[in-house]
């Protein structure tokens, strides 16, 4: 296994996780490491202690695919630590091009996942619609405003990491919904060790428990699970539509005015209402770049398997 490639895939996952509306799990799926990731995490359980006693630490480390996990999560953490400020700045100053790129990324990821469905049936269609409805209902919820207390930060980590490993459900967006996105992002920028340690503890606990459930579902009901996850991705597309009208605003923990409730607009309506250019040409180019990137990754993975 090429651990440099795994590290870079982790960086791509971390970059996606910073953006509310985009899931690191989606990146894991389209880069072909999703099943390996779940299985490696699932193996971190009390049985590892028995392996250490019988065969030593090295055998236990190999059992959980330790080098893979270190390379991947090293990439994720490196990306979050280095790209948090850049992506925040890009979303604030160039929202339409950035959202367009991620919109194209999710769109082609849906195509990528549907190709993996082995059988077409009414039950699979129903699970697809169920996933769409569930994800869309989350995107229209009004955000809560929780205080960044120790228990809330811990719970936020557990909830967000579960969302992060689900293709289609964005951990960052879940943090937004419960009012913890700004405190966590601020902690990353300022290297607040206390909040980050609590958040990471919640992430570890949530990841170790939820990965078992998801891994079991993919082994026992792979097609149904995949179509549901695809539905989640489709259901979140309205959230990352590039052209929006902000209806109401809120004040974040830094005293800045940020959007609270937004409505999607057509590019023409966006220009008419905001008197700003729709940047339609740039948006289309970046959507196509995202599509080309995923298709290129697919082709690269196929040639490596030959």
Protein backbone atom coordinates (compact mmCIF):
# COMPACT_ATOMS: atom_id res chain seq x y z
CA UNK A 1 0.00 0.00 0.00
CA UNK A 2 1.25 3.48 -0.90
CA UNK A 3 1.01 5.41 2.36
CA UNK A 4 1.88 8.75 0.72
CA UNK A 5 -1.21 8.33 -1.49
CA UNK A 6 -3.24 7.43 1.61
CA UNK A 7 -1.94 10.57 3.35
CA UNK A 8 -3.01 12.72 0.37
CA UNK A 9 -6.46 11.07 0.37
CA UNK A 10 -6.65 11.95 4.08
CA UNK A 11 -5.82 15.55 3.26
CA UNK A 12 -8.64 15.59 0.70
CA UNK A 13 -11.01 14.19 3.34
CA UNK A 14 -9.90 16.84 5.84
CA UNK A 15 -10.41 19.64 3.31
CA UNK A 16 -13.93 18.37 2.59
CA UNK A 17 -14.75 18.07 6.30
CA UNK A 18 -13.96 21.75 6.85
CA UNK A 19 -16.72 22.75 4.39
CA UNK A 20 -20.31 22.69 5.79
CA UNK A 21 -22.32 20.55 3.37
CA UNK A 22 -19.49 18.30 2.11
CA UNK A 23 -18.55 14.98 3.72
CA UNK A 24 -15.12 13.46 4.16
CA UNK A 25 -16.88 10.11 3.80
CA UNK A 26 -17.75 11.06 0.23
CA UNK A 27 -14.06 11.59 -0.53
CA UNK A 28 -13.22 8.25 1.10
CA UNK A 29 -15.76 6.54 -1.14
CA UNK A 30 -14.67 8.08 -4.43
CA UNK A 31 -10.98 7.45 -3.65
CA UNK A 32 -11.69 3.77 -2.97
CA UNK A 33 -10.66 3.55 0.69
CA UNK A 34 -14.07 3.56 2.39
CA UNK A 35 -14.36 -0.18 3.10
CA UNK A 36 -10.73 -0.40 4.23
CA UNK A 37 -11.27 2.57 6.55
CA UNK A 38 -14.38 1.09 8.18
CA UNK A 39 -12.85 -2.36 8.57
CA UNK A 40 -9.64 -0.95 10.09
CA UNK A 41 -11.57 1.13 12.62
CA UNK A 42 -13.91 -1.77 13.40
CA UNK A 43 -10.92 -3.90 14.41
CA UNK A 44 -10.04 -1.48 17.21
CA UNK A 45 -11.89 -3.29 20.00
CA UNK A 46 -11.10 -5.27 23.18
CA UNK A 47 -9.85 -8.24 21.09
CA UNK A 48 -6.75 -6.16 20.27
CA UNK A 49 -5.63 -6.56 23.92
CA UNK A 50 -5.75 -10.35 23.52
CA UNK A 51 -3.65 -10.14 20.35
CA UNK A 52 -1.08 -7.99 22.17
CA UNK A 53 -0.82 -10.56 24.96
CA UNK A 54 -0.56 -13.55 22.59
CA UNK A 55 1.49 -12.19 19.68
CA UNK A 56 2.82 -8.81 20.74
CA UNK A 57 2.25 -5.17 19.84
CA UNK A 58 3.46 -5.51 16.25
CA UNK A 59 0.85 -8.15 15.40
CA UNK A 60 -1.91 -6.07 16.98
CA UNK A 61 -0.76 -3.01 15.06
CA UNK A 62 -0.87 -4.95 11.80
CA UNK A 63 -4.30 -6.39 12.74
CA UNK A 64 -5.85 -2.91 12.92
CA UNK A 65 -3.99 -1.77 9.77
CA UNK A 66 -2.18 0.80 11.90
CA UNK A 67 0.05 2.33 9.23
CA UNK A 68 -2.98 2.93 7.00
CA UNK A 69 -4.89 4.66 9.83
CA UNK A 70 -1.89 6.79 10.83
CA UNK A 71 -1.29 7.89 7.23
CA UNK A 72 -4.98 8.62 6.59
CA UNK A 73 -5.78 10.47 9.82
CA UNK A 74 -2.43 12.21 9.68
CA UNK A 75 -3.56 13.61 6.33
CA UNK A 76 -6.98 14.56 7.73
CA UNK A 77 -5.51 16.41 10.73
CA UNK A 78 -2.80 18.07 8.63
CA UNK A 79 -5.40 19.30 6.19
CA UNK A 80 -7.73 20.64 8.87
CA UNK A 81 -4.88 22.39 10.67
CA UNK A 82 -3.41 23.96 7.52
CA UNK A 83 -6.48 24.52 5.33
CA UNK A 84 -9.06 25.71 7.89
CA UNK A 85 -8.10 29.38 7.49
CA UNK A 86 -7.76 29.15 3.69
CA UNK A 87 -11.10 27.43 3.13
CA UNK A 88 -12.88 29.79 5.55
CA UNK A 89 -11.42 32.73 3.63
CA UNK A 90 -12.36 31.25 0.23
CA UNK A 91 -15.94 30.55 1.35
CA UNK A 92 -16.24 34.14 2.58
CA UNK A 93 -14.62 35.86 -0.41
CA UNK A 94 -15.30 33.50 -3.35
CA UNK A 95 -18.39 31.50 -2.34
CA UNK A 96 -19.82 30.77 -5.80
CA UNK A 97 -16.68 29.16 -7.33
CA UNK A 98 -16.01 27.09 -4.18
CA UNK A 99 -19.60 25.87 -3.79
CA UNK A 100 -19.70 25.12 -7.53
CA UNK A 101 -16.65 22.88 -7.26
CA UNK A 102 -18.15 20.94 -4.35
CA UNK A 103 -21.55 20.76 -6.07
CA UNK A 104 -19.88 19.08 -9.06
CA UNK A 105 -17.96 16.80 -6.70
CA UNK A 106 -21.14 15.55 -4.99
CA UNK A 107 -23.00 15.22 -8.30
CA UNK A 108 -20.39 12.95 -9.88
CA UNK A 109 -20.00 11.04 -6.59
CA UNK A 110 -23.69 10.08 -6.82
CA UNK A 111 -23.00 8.62 -10.26
CA UNK A 112 -19.94 6.80 -8.88
CA UNK A 113 -21.96 5.20 -6.08
CA UNK A 114 -24.96 4.23 -8.22
CA UNK A 115 -22.59 2.26 -10.49
CA UNK A 116 -21.79 0.01 -7.52
CA UNK A 117 -25.41 -1.06 -6.98
CA UNK A 118 -25.58 -4.65 -8.20
CA UNK A 119 -29.36 -5.04 -8.50
CA UNK A 120 -32.15 -2.59 -9.34
CA UNK A 121 -35.43 -3.04 -7.44
CA UNK A 122 -38.34 -1.16 -5.86
CA UNK A 123 -36.88 -1.62 -2.36
CA UNK A 124 -33.64 0.04 -3.46
CA UNK A 125 -35.57 2.94 -4.99
CA UNK A 126 -37.48 3.37 -1.72
CA UNK A 127 -34.22 3.43 0.27
CA UNK A 128 -32.83 6.03 -2.17
CA UNK A 129 -35.89 8.23 -1.64
CA UNK A 130 -35.66 7.69 2.12
CA UNK A 131 -32.04 8.86 2.10
CA UNK A 132 -32.94 11.94 0.02
CA UNK A 133 -35.81 12.84 2.36
CA UNK A 134 -33.72 12.34 5.51
CA UNK A 135 -30.79 14.46 4.25
CA UNK A 136 -33.02 17.22 2.87
CA UNK A 137 -34.94 17.46 6.14
CA UNK A 138 -31.63 18.02 7.96
CA UNK A 139 -30.61 20.81 5.56
CA UNK A 140 -33.78 22.83 6.26
CA UNK A 141 -33.54 22.65 10.05
CA UNK A 142 -32.85 25.91 11.88
CA UNK A 143 -29.48 25.90 13.69
CA UNK A 144 -29.38 25.59 17.49
CA UNK A 145 -27.17 27.79 19.63
CA UNK A 146 -25.49 25.48 22.18
CA UNK A 147 -22.92 26.82 24.61
CA UNK A 148 -19.41 25.42 24.02
CA UNK A 149 -19.35 23.64 27.41
CA UNK A 150 -17.14 20.58 27.98
CA UNK A 151 -20.00 18.08 27.61
CA UNK A 152 -21.35 19.82 24.49
CA UNK A 153 -17.92 19.82 22.83
CA UNK A 154 -17.51 16.11 23.67
CA UNK A 155 -20.97 15.24 22.28
CA UNK A 156 -20.36 17.43 19.22
CA UNK A 157 -17.22 15.43 18.42
CA UNK A 158 -19.09 12.12 18.67
CA UNK A 159 -22.00 13.29 16.51
CA UNK A 160 -19.85 15.08 13.93
CA UNK A 161 -17.46 12.17 13.36
CA UNK A 162 -20.40 9.82 12.71
CA UNK A 163 -21.60 12.26 10.06
CA UNK A 164 -18.11 12.69 8.65
CA UNK A 165 -17.76 9.00 7.79
CA UNK A 166 -21.21 8.91 6.17
CA UNK A 167 -21.03 9.87 2.47
CA UNK A 168 -23.47 12.73 1.97
CA UNK A 169 -23.82 13.91 5.55
CA UNK A 170 -21.36 16.64 6.41
CA UNK A 171 -19.85 16.67 9.88
CA UNK A 172 -19.23 20.40 9.53
CA UNK A 173 -22.89 20.98 8.66
CA UNK A 174 -24.02 18.96 11.71
CA UNK A 175 -21.72 21.15 13.82
CA UNK A 176 -23.41 24.19 12.27
CA UNK A 177 -26.86 22.82 13.14
CA UNK A 178 -25.97 22.37 16.79
CA UNK A 179 -24.14 25.70 16.98
CA UNK A 180 -20.67 24.22 17.50
CA UNK A 181 -19.05 24.89 14.12
CA UNK A 182 -17.61 28.31 14.99
CA UNK A 183 -16.24 27.33 18.45
CA UNK A 184 -14.52 24.26 16.99
CA UNK A 185 -13.11 26.10 13.95
CA UNK A 186 -11.93 28.92 16.24
CA UNK A 187 -10.22 26.34 18.46
CA UNK A 188 -8.44 24.91 15.40
CA UNK A 189 -7.26 28.36 14.29
CA UNK A 190 -6.09 29.39 17.79
CA UNK A 191 -4.77 25.92 18.77
CA UNK A 192 -7.00 25.78 21.88
CA UNK A 193 -5.74 22.47 23.30
CA UNK A 194 -8.54 22.02 25.86
CA UNK A 195 -11.43 22.27 23.38
CA UNK A 196 -9.56 20.30 20.72
CA UNK A 197 -8.75 17.48 23.17
CA UNK A 198 -12.41 17.22 24.24
CA UNK A 199 -13.60 17.31 20.64
CA UNK A 200 -11.09 14.65 19.53
CA UNK A 201 -12.06 12.42 22.47
CA UNK A 202 -15.69 12.63 21.35
CA UNK A 203 -14.60 11.87 17.79
CA UNK A 204 -12.69 8.74 18.85
CA UNK A 205 -15.57 7.41 20.98
CA UNK A 206 -18.13 8.09 18.23
CA UNK A 207 -15.94 6.62 15.51
CA UNK A 208 -15.19 3.38 17.35
CA UNK A 209 -18.86 2.73 18.08
CA UNK A 210 -20.50 3.86 14.84
CA UNK A 211 -18.00 2.17 12.51
CA UNK A 212 -19.10 -1.25 13.79
CA UNK A 213 -22.72 -0.53 12.87
CA UNK A 214 -21.89 0.83 9.43
CA UNK A 215 -19.45 -1.97 8.62
CA UNK A 216 -22.07 -4.59 9.58
CA UNK A 217 -24.70 -2.88 7.40
CA UNK A 218 -22.37 -2.80 4.39
CA UNK A 219 -21.55 -6.50 4.78
CA UNK A 220 -25.13 -7.70 5.34
CA UNK A 221 -27.16 -5.19 3.26
CA UNK A 222 -24.60 -3.60 0.95
CA UNK A 223 -26.91 -2.50 -1.89
CA UNK A 224 -29.58 -1.07 0.41
CA UNK A 225 -26.96 0.74 2.49
CA UNK A 226 -25.28 2.15 -0.63
CA UNK A 227 -28.52 3.45 -2.14
CA UNK A 228 -29.46 5.05 1.20
CA UNK A 229 -26.04 6.74 1.38
CA UNK A 230 -26.48 7.87 -2.24
CA UNK A 231 -29.82 9.36 -1.25
CA UNK A 232 -28.07 11.25 1.55
CA UNK A 233 -25.72 12.78 -1.01
CA UNK A 234 -28.56 13.77 -3.34
CA UNK A 235 -30.53 15.23 -0.45
CA UNK A 236 -27.71 17.56 0.54
CA UNK A 237 -27.23 19.01 -2.98
CA UNK A 238 -29.64 21.93 -2.31
CA UNK A 239 -27.49 22.89 0.68
CA UNK A 240 -24.40 23.44 -1.48
CA UNK A 241 -26.16 25.11 -4.45
CA UNK A 242 -23.87 28.07 -5.28
CA UNK A 243 -26.47 30.83 -5.75
CA UNK A 244 -28.33 31.79 -2.57
CA UNK A 245 -30.31 34.64 -1.06
CA UNK A 246 -29.70 35.20 2.65
CA UNK A 247 -33.02 35.69 4.44
CA UNK A 248 -31.82 36.07 8.01
CA UNK A 249 -28.45 36.53 9.68
CA UNK A 250 -26.97 35.60 13.04
CA UNK A 251 -24.02 36.87 15.07
CA UNK A 252 -21.34 34.25 15.65
CA UNK A 253 -19.05 33.92 18.65
CA UNK A 254 -16.60 36.37 17.04
CA UNK A 255 -19.27 39.06 16.75
CA UNK A 256 -19.48 38.65 12.95
CA UNK A 257 -22.72 38.57 10.95
CA UNK A 258 -23.08 35.23 9.18
CA UNK A 259 -26.01 33.75 7.16
CA UNK A 260 -28.65 31.83 9.15
CA UNK A 261 -31.46 31.02 6.67
CA UNK A 262 -30.85 31.03 2.90
CA UNK A 263 -32.96 30.34 -0.19
CA UNK A 264 -31.61 28.94 -3.45
CA UNK A 265 -31.84 31.12 -6.56
CA UNK A 266 -31.22 30.69 -10.26
CA UNK A 267 -28.07 32.49 -11.52
CA UNK A 268 -30.27 35.10 -13.27
CA UNK A 269 -32.36 35.73 -10.14
CA UNK A 270 -29.18 35.97 -8.08
CA UNK A 271 -27.88 38.76 -10.34
CA UNK A 272 -31.22 40.58 -10.26
CA UNK A 273 -31.64 40.41 -6.47
CA UNK A 274 -28.06 41.01 -5.35
CA UNK A 275 -26.70 43.14 -8.22
CA UNK A 276 -23.65 40.89 -8.14
CA UNK A 277 -22.32 38.84 -11.09
CA UNK A 278 -23.47 35.21 -11.06
CA UNK A 279 -20.04 34.02 -12.29
CA UNK A 280 -21.91 31.33 -14.21
CA UNK A 281 -19.00 30.58 -16.56
CA UNK A 282 -16.53 30.16 -13.68
CA UNK A 283 -19.07 28.02 -11.81
CA UNK A 284 -19.58 25.66 -14.75
CA UNK A 285 -15.82 25.31 -15.30
CA UNK A 286 -15.23 24.43 -11.64
CA UNK A 287 -18.12 21.94 -11.62
CA UNK A 288 -16.58 20.27 -14.68
CA UNK A 289 -13.16 20.29 -12.98
CA UNK A 290 -14.64 18.46 -9.98
CA UNK A 291 -16.30 15.90 -12.27
CA UNK A 292 -13.06 15.41 -14.22
CA UNK A 293 -11.14 14.99 -10.95
CA UNK A 294 -13.40 12.18 -9.71
CA UNK A 295 -13.49 10.42 -13.08
CA UNK A 296 -9.70 10.70 -13.23
CA UNK A 297 -9.37 9.18 -9.75
CA UNK A 298 -11.66 6.33 -10.87
CA UNK A 299 -9.52 5.70 -13.96
CA UNK A 300 -6.34 5.83 -11.89
CA UNK A 301 -7.76 3.29 -9.41
CA UNK A 302 -8.78 0.98 -12.27
CA UNK A 303 -5.31 1.05 -13.87
CA UNK A 304 -3.69 0.25 -10.48
CA UNK A 305 -6.00 -2.77 -10.09
CA UNK A 306 -5.06 -4.22 -13.48
